[in-house]
Amino acid sequence: MRQKGPLKQFDEFDAWSFSRLGERIGSDEVKFDFPRLAEDENIVSSTVEFWEVSARVNAKSESVVRFKGRFNAELSCVVCGSGVEYAIDFERHLVLVTSEAQADAYDEETLDEHTDVVACPGAINLRDWLEDEILLACPMFPKHDACAEEAGRSWREEGDGEENTDESQDDTAGGPTQEVQRPFANLSDLLKGSKK
């Protein structure tokens, strides 16, 4: 699908027709800016190397849109706060349905790990949709290798401390046991006494 006008044509993008026609759009044809990537406080810097959106109708007569690409990003480490660099490849297939009810009812066990179902009742903004996929591909908890090791070590040490604390409080480890009050324990004796 060749660009035939301003980028505005992608503000109301018909994904259904796009899939029926088996079309493809790539970064070699269309140049998008991604403002949310630039404004996200957890992303220090990012460069989208390439992206591609293609679509088809599958064997079940479903419209499927594929997002694929690669981008480089410097993300804030969740441990130390400084930048950690990633080269991120993403690829996701989205099966289109017309409503949220259809999406909820879809048997997701038939899908693989790279495929999801999405409600698409009408035209969408292609740039925003693509940007969503790029943001979703970012690691949820970016860390330097050294920071991840340090965090793992601290977690293990805390866990050891908690285990020792639990053992020292364990009533079954020879310490005094607390008597449990049973409110109806003497009820049978009282009933016997009333019969006399």
Protein backbone atom coordinates (compact mmCIF):
# COMPACT_ATOMS: atom_id res chain seq x y z
CA MET A 1 0.00 0.00 0.00
CA ARG A 2 1.73 3.16 -1.17
CA GLN A 3 1.41 6.46 0.60
CA LYS A 4 -1.00 8.58 -1.43
CA GLY A 5 -1.29 11.68 0.66
CA PRO A 6 -0.52 13.25 4.02
CA LEU A 7 -0.11 11.11 7.14
CA LYS A 8 -3.64 12.15 8.05
CA GLN A 9 -4.93 9.22 6.02
CA PHE A 10 -3.67 6.95 8.81
CA ASP A 11 -5.72 8.74 11.50
CA GLU A 12 -8.75 6.73 10.37
CA PHE A 13 -7.19 3.53 9.16
CA ASP A 14 -9.48 0.74 7.89
CA ALA A 15 -7.80 -2.40 9.23
CA TRP A 16 -10.59 -4.63 7.91
CA SER A 17 -10.13 -3.61 4.27
CA PHE A 18 -6.38 -3.66 4.77
CA SER A 19 -6.52 -7.31 5.83
CA ARG A 20 -8.97 -8.35 3.10
CA LEU A 21 -6.59 -6.92 0.51
CA GLY A 22 -3.52 -8.56 2.12
CA GLU A 23 -1.75 -5.20 2.33
CA ARG A 24 1.54 -4.15 3.91
CA ILE A 25 2.93 -0.79 5.14
CA GLY A 26 6.49 -0.27 6.33
CA SER A 27 8.82 2.40 7.69
CA ASP A 28 10.50 2.49 4.28
CA GLU A 29 7.27 4.04 2.90
CA VAL A 30 5.73 6.00 5.79
CA LYS A 31 7.57 8.12 8.37
CA PHE A 32 5.88 8.36 11.75
CA ASP A 33 6.93 10.33 14.83
CA PHE A 34 6.16 8.54 18.12
CA PRO A 35 5.43 11.25 20.73
CA ARG A 36 4.60 8.88 23.60
CA LEU A 37 7.97 7.18 23.22
CA ALA A 38 9.62 10.59 23.44
CA GLU A 39 7.53 11.74 26.42
CA ASP A 40 7.56 8.54 28.54
CA GLU A 41 9.47 9.30 31.73
CA ASN A 42 10.86 5.74 31.90
CA ILE A 43 12.36 5.97 28.40
CA VAL A 44 15.57 8.02 28.40
CA SER A 45 15.91 7.81 24.60
CA SER A 46 14.64 5.61 21.76
CA THR A 47 15.12 5.07 18.05
CA VAL A 48 12.77 2.94 15.96
CA GLU A 49 15.01 1.16 13.42
CA PHE A 50 12.16 -0.23 11.33
CA TRP A 51 8.56 -1.32 11.56
CA GLU A 52 6.09 -3.15 9.37
CA VAL A 53 2.32 -3.59 9.53
CA SER A 54 0.82 -6.30 7.35
CA ALA A 55 -2.49 -8.13 7.34
CA ARG A 56 -4.32 -11.10 5.88
CA VAL A 57 -7.43 -13.22 6.21
CA ASN A 58 -6.59 -16.56 7.85
CA ALA A 59 -8.02 -20.05 7.27
CA LYS A 60 -10.89 -19.31 9.69
CA SER A 61 -11.84 -16.22 7.61
CA GLU A 62 -10.60 -13.96 10.41
CA SER A 63 -8.81 -10.68 9.74
CA VAL A 64 -5.33 -10.75 11.30
CA VAL A 65 -2.99 -7.75 11.55
CA ARG A 66 0.74 -8.31 12.20
CA PHE A 67 3.01 -5.70 13.81
CA LYS A 68 6.73 -6.32 13.48
CA GLY A 69 9.84 -4.21 14.03
CA ARG A 70 12.94 -3.34 15.99
CA PHE A 71 13.87 -0.38 18.13
CA ASN A 72 16.71 0.67 20.38
CA ALA A 73 15.88 2.21 23.74
CA GLU A 74 17.63 3.44 26.84
CA LEU A 75 15.30 2.73 29.76
CA SER A 76 15.54 3.78 33.41
CA CYS A 77 16.80 0.92 35.58
CA VAL A 78 14.22 0.17 38.30
CA VAL A 79 17.03 -0.49 40.81
CA CYS A 80 19.54 2.36 40.34
CA GLY A 81 17.58 4.77 38.11
CA SER A 82 20.33 5.21 35.50
CA GLY A 83 19.91 4.24 31.84
CA VAL A 84 20.15 0.66 30.59
CA GLU A 85 20.26 -0.01 26.84
CA TYR A 86 18.08 -2.51 25.02
CA ALA A 87 17.69 -3.61 21.41
CA ILE A 88 14.09 -4.81 21.24
CA ASP A 89 12.49 -6.89 18.50
CA PHE A 90 8.72 -7.09 18.52
CA GLU A 91 6.20 -9.14 16.59
CA ARG A 92 2.54 -9.55 17.43
CA HIS A 93 -0.51 -10.81 15.55
CA LEU A 94 -3.93 -9.36 16.37
CA VAL A 95 -7.13 -11.16 15.40
CA LEU A 96 -9.80 -8.52 14.77
CA VAL A 97 -13.33 -8.87 16.13
CA THR A 98 -16.10 -6.28 16.00
CA SER A 99 -16.90 -5.93 19.74
CA GLU A 100 -15.51 -6.36 23.26
CA ALA A 101 -18.13 -9.08 23.87
CA GLN A 102 -16.72 -11.09 20.94
CA ALA A 103 -13.18 -10.55 22.23
CA ASP A 104 -14.17 -11.78 25.72
CA ALA A 105 -15.93 -14.85 24.27
CA TYR A 106 -13.02 -15.82 22.00
CA ASP A 107 -11.33 -19.14 22.85
CA GLU A 108 -7.83 -17.85 23.62
CA GLU A 109 -6.50 -21.38 24.13
CA THR A 110 -6.41 -21.68 20.33
CA LEU A 111 -3.91 -18.77 20.11
CA ASP A 112 -0.14 -18.90 20.36
CA GLU A 113 1.99 -16.64 22.59
CA HIS A 114 2.42 -13.98 19.86
CA THR A 115 -1.30 -13.68 19.03
CA ASP A 116 -4.08 -11.75 20.76
CA VAL A 117 -7.67 -10.82 20.03
CA VAL A 118 -8.67 -7.15 19.82
CA ALA A 119 -12.01 -5.41 19.36
CA CYS A 120 -11.89 -3.17 16.29
CA PRO A 121 -15.41 -1.84 15.64
CA GLY A 122 -14.30 0.77 13.12
CA ALA A 123 -11.40 2.87 11.88
CA ILE A 124 -8.34 3.29 14.11
CA ASN A 125 -5.29 5.55 14.27
CA LEU A 126 -2.52 3.40 12.80
CA ARG A 127 0.34 5.43 14.32
CA ASP A 128 -1.14 5.19 17.83
CA TRP A 129 -1.81 1.47 17.38
CA LEU A 130 1.76 0.84 16.27
CA GLU A 131 3.09 2.96 19.13
CA ASP A 132 1.05 0.86 21.59
CA GLU A 133 2.77 -2.27 20.29
CA ILE A 134 6.22 -0.69 20.64
CA LEU A 135 5.50 0.39 24.23
CA LEU A 136 4.12 -3.05 25.09
CA ALA A 137 7.36 -4.62 23.87
CA CYS A 138 9.42 -2.65 26.42
CA PRO A 139 10.57 -4.69 29.45
CA MET A 140 8.30 -4.07 32.42
CA PHE A 141 11.19 -3.95 34.93
CA PRO A 142 14.38 -2.88 33.10
CA LYS A 143 17.57 -3.59 35.07
CA HIS A 144 21.33 -3.66 34.53
CA ASP A 145 22.71 -7.19 34.93
CA ALA A 146 24.69 -6.07 37.98
CA CYS A 147 21.59 -4.43 39.52
CA ALA A 148 19.53 -7.58 38.90
CA GLU A 149 22.18 -9.69 40.68
CA GLU A 150 22.33 -7.25 43.60
CA ALA A 151 18.53 -7.16 43.88
CA GLY A 152 18.41 -10.98 43.78
CA ARG A 153 21.07 -11.22 46.49
CA SER A 154 19.20 -8.76 48.74
CA TRP A 155 15.95 -10.63 48.20
CA ARG A 156 17.58 -13.96 49.16
CA GLU A 157 19.13 -12.43 52.28
CA GLU A 158 15.79 -10.98 53.35
CA GLY A 159 14.16 -14.35 52.72
CA ASP A 160 16.76 -16.08 54.92
CA GLY A 161 16.12 -13.59 57.69
CA GLU A 162 12.38 -14.16 57.49
CA GLU A 163 12.82 -17.93 57.65
CA ASN A 164 14.96 -17.64 60.80
CA THR A 165 12.38 -15.35 62.37
CA ASP A 166 9.60 -17.81 61.62
CA GLU A 167 11.56 -20.69 63.15
CA SER A 168 12.21 -18.73 66.34
CA GLN A 169 8.47 -18.10 66.68
CA ASP A 170 7.38 -21.65 65.86
CA ASP A 171 5.31 -22.98 68.78
CA THR A 172 6.10 -26.57 67.81
CA ALA A 173 9.87 -26.10 68.24
CA GLY A 174 9.88 -26.89 71.97
CA GLY A 175 8.61 -23.49 73.13
CA PRO A 176 5.60 -22.89 75.37
CA THR A 177 2.27 -23.58 73.71
CA GLN A 178 -0.70 -21.30 74.11
CA GLU A 179 -3.86 -22.93 75.37
CA VAL A 180 -6.74 -22.63 72.92
CA GLN A 181 -10.07 -21.61 74.44
CA ARG A 182 -12.98 -23.78 73.30
CA PRO A 183 -16.24 -22.09 74.34
CA PHE A 184 -18.35 -25.31 74.31
CA ALA A 185 -15.76 -27.65 75.83
CA ASN A 186 -17.61 -27.92 79.18
CA LEU A 187 -21.11 -28.00 77.71
CA SER A 188 -21.50 -31.79 78.12
CA ASP A 189 -20.53 -31.58 81.81
CA LEU A 190 -23.10 -28.81 82.34
CA LEU A 191 -25.80 -30.87 80.64
CA LYS A 192 -24.96 -33.90 82.79
CA GLY A 193 -25.16 -31.76 85.94
CA SER A 194 -28.61 -30.42 84.99
CA LYS A 195 -30.01 -33.95 84.61
CA LYS A 196 -29.10 -34.91 88.20
